[in-house]
Amino acid sequence: MGAKAVWVAGRVYQQLQNLVDVTPVGWAFGDGAQLRCYTDDPDRIRKPDACFVRRGRFVPDEPPEGFITIPPDLVVEVVSPSDSYY
């Protein structure tokens, strides 16, 4: 990722985090989150630039220690001009 794409991804995460700081509707995750939520391929891992999971979807109602194993409610991937769509 180029500097601009990193900045955009950071701003998206910041806005999600600002939302959940004011209204505790769920959890915002930055680019370190790892998604392992594919039932057809449990070894597939994705690392989005930002994502959000609404409250009540994790059991117990808090983020897990390891991978996120449920599909998030929102996933954001910032695409740089040099990235291919696939």
N, C-alpha and C. Protein backbone atom coordinates (compact mmCIF):
# COMPACT_ATOMS: atom_id res chain seq x y z
N MET A 1 0.84 -1.18 0.00
CA MET A 1 0.00 0.00 0.00
C MET A 1 0.88 1.24 0.00
N GLY A 2 0.44 2.21 -0.77
CA GLY A 2 1.12 3.49 -0.76
C GLY A 2 0.69 4.32 0.43
N ALA A 3 1.39 5.42 0.66
CA ALA A 3 1.11 6.27 1.81
C ALA A 3 -0.34 6.78 1.81
N LYS A 4 -0.85 7.14 0.65
CA LYS A 4 -2.21 7.68 0.59
C LYS A 4 -3.23 6.60 0.96
N ALA A 5 -3.03 5.39 0.46
CA ALA A 5 -3.96 4.31 0.78
C ALA A 5 -3.93 3.99 2.28
N VAL A 6 -2.74 4.00 2.87
CA VAL A 6 -2.62 3.78 4.32
C VAL A 6 -3.35 4.87 5.08
N TRP A 7 -3.20 6.10 4.63
CA TRP A 7 -3.87 7.23 5.28
C TRP A 7 -5.39 7.09 5.19
N VAL A 8 -5.89 6.75 4.00
CA VAL A 8 -7.33 6.57 3.81
C VAL A 8 -7.84 5.45 4.72
N ALA A 9 -7.16 4.33 4.75
CA ALA A 9 -7.57 3.21 5.61
C ALA A 9 -7.57 3.63 7.08
N GLY A 10 -6.58 4.39 7.48
CA GLY A 10 -6.52 4.87 8.86
C GLY A 10 -7.68 5.79 9.19
N ARG A 11 -8.05 6.63 8.25
CA ARG A 11 -9.18 7.54 8.47
C ARG A 11 -10.50 6.77 8.58
N VAL A 12 -10.67 5.75 7.75
CA VAL A 12 -11.88 4.94 7.82
C VAL A 12 -11.97 4.27 9.19
N TYR A 13 -10.87 3.65 9.62
CA TYR A 13 -10.86 3.01 10.94
C TYR A 13 -11.14 4.04 12.03
N GLN A 14 -10.51 5.21 11.94
CA GLN A 14 -10.71 6.25 12.94
C GLN A 14 -12.17 6.66 13.04
N GLN A 15 -12.84 6.80 11.90
CA GLN A 15 -14.25 7.18 11.91
C GLN A 15 -15.12 6.08 12.53
N LEU A 16 -14.81 4.82 12.21
CA LEU A 16 -15.54 3.71 12.84
C LEU A 16 -15.32 3.70 14.35
N GLN A 17 -14.07 3.90 14.76
CA GLN A 17 -13.76 3.91 16.19
C GLN A 17 -14.43 5.08 16.89
N ASN A 18 -14.45 6.24 16.25
CA ASN A 18 -15.15 7.40 16.83
C ASN A 18 -16.62 7.07 17.06
N LEU A 19 -17.23 6.39 16.10
CA LEU A 19 -18.64 6.00 16.24
C LEU A 19 -18.84 5.10 17.46
N VAL A 20 -18.04 4.06 17.59
CA VAL A 20 -18.26 3.12 18.69
C VAL A 20 -17.81 3.70 20.03
N ASP A 21 -16.96 4.72 20.03
CA ASP A 21 -16.62 5.40 21.28
C ASP A 21 -17.80 6.19 21.82
N VAL A 22 -18.58 6.78 20.91
CA VAL A 22 -19.73 7.60 21.31
C VAL A 22 -20.98 6.74 21.54
N THR A 23 -21.18 5.79 20.65
CA THR A 23 -22.35 4.91 20.71
C THR A 23 -21.84 3.47 20.68
N PRO A 24 -21.85 2.77 21.82
CA PRO A 24 -21.26 1.42 21.86
C PRO A 24 -22.11 0.38 21.13
N VAL A 25 -22.11 0.49 19.81
CA VAL A 25 -22.93 -0.40 18.98
C VAL A 25 -22.15 -1.62 18.51
N GLY A 26 -20.86 -1.66 18.78
CA GLY A 26 -20.05 -2.80 18.34
C GLY A 26 -18.59 -2.49 18.45
N TRP A 27 -17.80 -3.16 17.63
CA TRP A 27 -16.34 -3.05 17.67
C TRP A 27 -15.78 -2.70 16.30
N ALA A 28 -14.85 -1.76 16.30
CA ALA A 28 -14.13 -1.39 15.09
C ALA A 28 -12.74 -2.03 15.16
N PHE A 29 -12.29 -2.55 14.03
CA PHE A 29 -10.98 -3.17 13.94
C PHE A 29 -10.19 -2.54 12.81
N GLY A 30 -8.90 -2.35 13.03
CA GLY A 30 -8.03 -1.80 12.01
C GLY A 30 -7.39 -2.90 11.18
N ASP A 31 -6.30 -2.55 10.53
CA ASP A 31 -5.69 -3.46 9.56
C ASP A 31 -5.00 -4.67 10.17
N GLY A 32 -4.96 -4.78 11.48
CA GLY A 32 -4.36 -5.95 12.12
C GLY A 32 -5.32 -7.10 12.31
N ALA A 33 -6.60 -6.86 12.10
CA ALA A 33 -7.61 -7.91 12.31
C ALA A 33 -7.46 -9.00 11.25
N GLN A 34 -7.65 -10.23 11.68
CA GLN A 34 -7.57 -11.37 10.77
C GLN A 34 -8.91 -12.09 10.77
N LEU A 35 -9.49 -12.23 9.59
CA LEU A 35 -10.79 -12.89 9.43
C LEU A 35 -10.57 -14.33 9.00
N ARG A 36 -11.14 -15.23 9.75
CA ARG A 36 -11.13 -16.66 9.39
C ARG A 36 -12.58 -17.11 9.49
N CYS A 37 -13.37 -16.72 8.49
CA CYS A 37 -14.82 -16.89 8.58
C CYS A 37 -15.43 -17.55 7.35
N TYR A 38 -14.63 -18.32 6.63
CA TYR A 38 -15.12 -18.97 5.42
C TYR A 38 -15.43 -20.44 5.72
N THR A 39 -16.70 -20.80 5.71
CA THR A 39 -17.06 -22.18 6.03
C THR A 39 -16.58 -23.17 4.98
N ASP A 40 -16.44 -22.72 3.72
CA ASP A 40 -15.98 -23.62 2.66
C ASP A 40 -14.46 -23.78 2.64
N ASP A 41 -13.74 -22.91 3.34
CA ASP A 41 -12.28 -22.97 3.37
C ASP A 41 -11.79 -22.40 4.70
N PRO A 42 -11.83 -23.19 5.78
CA PRO A 42 -11.51 -22.68 7.11
C PRO A 42 -10.07 -22.21 7.28
N ASP A 43 -9.19 -22.55 6.36
CA ASP A 43 -7.81 -22.09 6.46
C ASP A 43 -7.56 -20.75 5.76
N ARG A 44 -8.57 -20.25 5.03
CA ARG A 44 -8.43 -18.97 4.33
C ARG A 44 -8.52 -17.83 5.35
N ILE A 45 -7.56 -16.94 5.28
CA ILE A 45 -7.51 -15.79 6.19
C ILE A 45 -7.46 -14.52 5.36
N ARG A 46 -8.24 -13.54 5.75
CA ARG A 46 -8.24 -12.24 5.10
C ARG A 46 -7.92 -11.18 6.15
N LYS A 47 -7.22 -10.13 5.72
CA LYS A 47 -6.86 -9.03 6.61
C LYS A 47 -7.35 -7.73 5.98
N PRO A 48 -8.56 -7.31 6.29
CA PRO A 48 -9.09 -6.08 5.70
C PRO A 48 -8.40 -4.85 6.29
N ASP A 49 -8.57 -3.73 5.62
CA ASP A 49 -8.00 -2.48 6.13
C ASP A 49 -8.78 -1.97 7.33
N ALA A 50 -10.05 -2.27 7.40
CA ALA A 50 -10.89 -1.93 8.54
C ALA A 50 -12.13 -2.82 8.48
N CYS A 51 -12.70 -3.07 9.64
CA CYS A 51 -13.98 -3.79 9.66
C CYS A 51 -14.72 -3.46 10.95
N PHE A 52 -15.99 -3.82 10.95
CA PHE A 52 -16.88 -3.53 12.08
C PHE A 52 -17.76 -4.74 12.34
N VAL A 53 -17.91 -5.07 13.62
CA VAL A 53 -18.82 -6.13 14.04
C VAL A 53 -19.75 -5.54 15.09
N ARG A 54 -21.06 -5.65 14.84
CA ARG A 54 -22.01 -5.06 15.78
C ARG A 54 -22.10 -5.88 17.06
N ARG A 55 -22.45 -5.20 18.12
CA ARG A 55 -22.58 -5.80 19.44
C ARG A 55 -23.60 -6.94 19.40
N GLY A 56 -23.31 -8.01 20.15
CA GLY A 56 -24.21 -9.14 20.23
C GLY A 56 -23.88 -10.28 19.30
N ARG A 57 -22.92 -10.10 18.41
CA ARG A 57 -22.60 -11.16 17.45
C ARG A 57 -21.48 -12.08 17.94
N PHE A 58 -20.60 -11.57 18.80
CA PHE A 58 -19.57 -12.42 19.38
C PHE A 58 -20.15 -13.16 20.59
N VAL A 59 -19.70 -14.39 20.80
CA VAL A 59 -20.11 -15.15 21.98
C VAL A 59 -18.85 -15.52 22.73
N PRO A 60 -18.64 -15.03 23.97
CA PRO A 60 -19.46 -14.03 24.66
C PRO A 60 -19.39 -12.68 23.94
N ASP A 61 -20.12 -11.72 24.46
CA ASP A 61 -20.27 -10.43 23.78
C ASP A 61 -19.02 -9.56 23.92
N GLU A 62 -17.92 -10.07 23.38
CA GLU A 62 -16.65 -9.34 23.35
C GLU A 62 -15.78 -9.92 22.23
N PRO A 63 -14.84 -9.14 21.73
CA PRO A 63 -13.99 -9.64 20.65
C PRO A 63 -13.18 -10.86 21.09
N PRO A 64 -12.93 -11.78 20.18
CA PRO A 64 -12.15 -12.97 20.54
C PRO A 64 -10.66 -12.65 20.68
N GLU A 65 -9.94 -13.54 21.32
CA GLU A 65 -8.49 -13.38 21.47
C GLU A 65 -7.76 -13.59 20.15
N GLY A 66 -8.25 -14.50 19.32
CA GLY A 66 -7.57 -14.83 18.07
C GLY A 66 -8.28 -14.26 16.87
N PHE A 67 -8.47 -15.12 15.89
CA PHE A 67 -9.13 -14.73 14.65
C PHE A 67 -10.58 -14.31 14.88
N ILE A 68 -11.08 -13.45 14.00
CA ILE A 68 -12.52 -13.18 13.94
C ILE A 68 -13.10 -14.29 13.08
N THR A 69 -13.99 -15.09 13.67
CA THR A 69 -14.49 -16.28 12.97
C THR A 69 -15.92 -16.13 12.46
N ILE A 70 -16.45 -14.92 12.53
CA ILE A 70 -17.76 -14.64 11.95
C ILE A 70 -17.58 -13.56 10.89
N PRO A 71 -18.45 -13.53 9.88
CA PRO A 71 -18.33 -12.46 8.89
C PRO A 71 -18.67 -11.11 9.53
N PRO A 72 -17.80 -10.12 9.41
CA PRO A 72 -18.11 -8.80 9.95
C PRO A 72 -19.32 -8.18 9.25
N ASP A 73 -19.91 -7.20 9.90
CA ASP A 73 -21.04 -6.48 9.32
C ASP A 73 -20.58 -5.50 8.25
N LEU A 74 -19.36 -5.03 8.38
CA LEU A 74 -18.78 -4.11 7.40
C LEU A 74 -17.31 -4.46 7.24
N VAL A 75 -16.86 -4.56 6.01
CA VAL A 75 -15.44 -4.78 5.70
C VAL A 75 -15.01 -3.72 4.70
N VAL A 76 -13.86 -3.10 4.97
CA VAL A 76 -13.35 -2.05 4.10
C VAL A 76 -11.98 -2.46 3.59
N GLU A 77 -11.82 -2.43 2.30
CA GLU A 77 -10.53 -2.68 1.65
C GLU A 77 -10.23 -1.49 0.77
N VAL A 78 -9.14 -0.80 1.07
CA VAL A 78 -8.73 0.35 0.27
C VAL A 78 -7.88 -0.16 -0.88
N VAL A 79 -8.27 0.18 -2.08
CA VAL A 79 -7.58 -0.31 -3.27
C VAL A 79 -6.70 0.82 -3.82
N SER A 80 -5.43 0.52 -3.94
CA SER A 80 -4.48 1.47 -4.53
C SER A 80 -4.53 1.36 -6.05
N PRO A 81 -4.10 2.38 -6.77
CA PRO A 81 -4.11 2.31 -8.23
C PRO A 81 -3.32 1.12 -8.78
N SER A 82 -2.31 0.68 -8.06
CA SER A 82 -1.49 -0.44 -8.52
C SER A 82 -2.09 -1.81 -8.17
N ASP A 83 -3.15 -1.84 -7.36
CA ASP A 83 -3.80 -3.11 -6.98
C ASP A 83 -4.67 -3.63 -8.12
N SER A 84 -4.73 -4.95 -8.23
CA SER A 84 -5.68 -5.55 -9.17
C SER A 84 -6.94 -5.90 -8.39
N TYR A 85 -8.06 -5.91 -9.05
CA TYR A 85 -9.35 -6.06 -8.36
C TYR A 85 -9.54 -7.42 -7.72
N TYR A 86 -8.91 -8.47 -8.22
CA TYR A 86 -9.13 -9.78 -7.64
C TYR A 86 -8.33 -9.96 -6.39
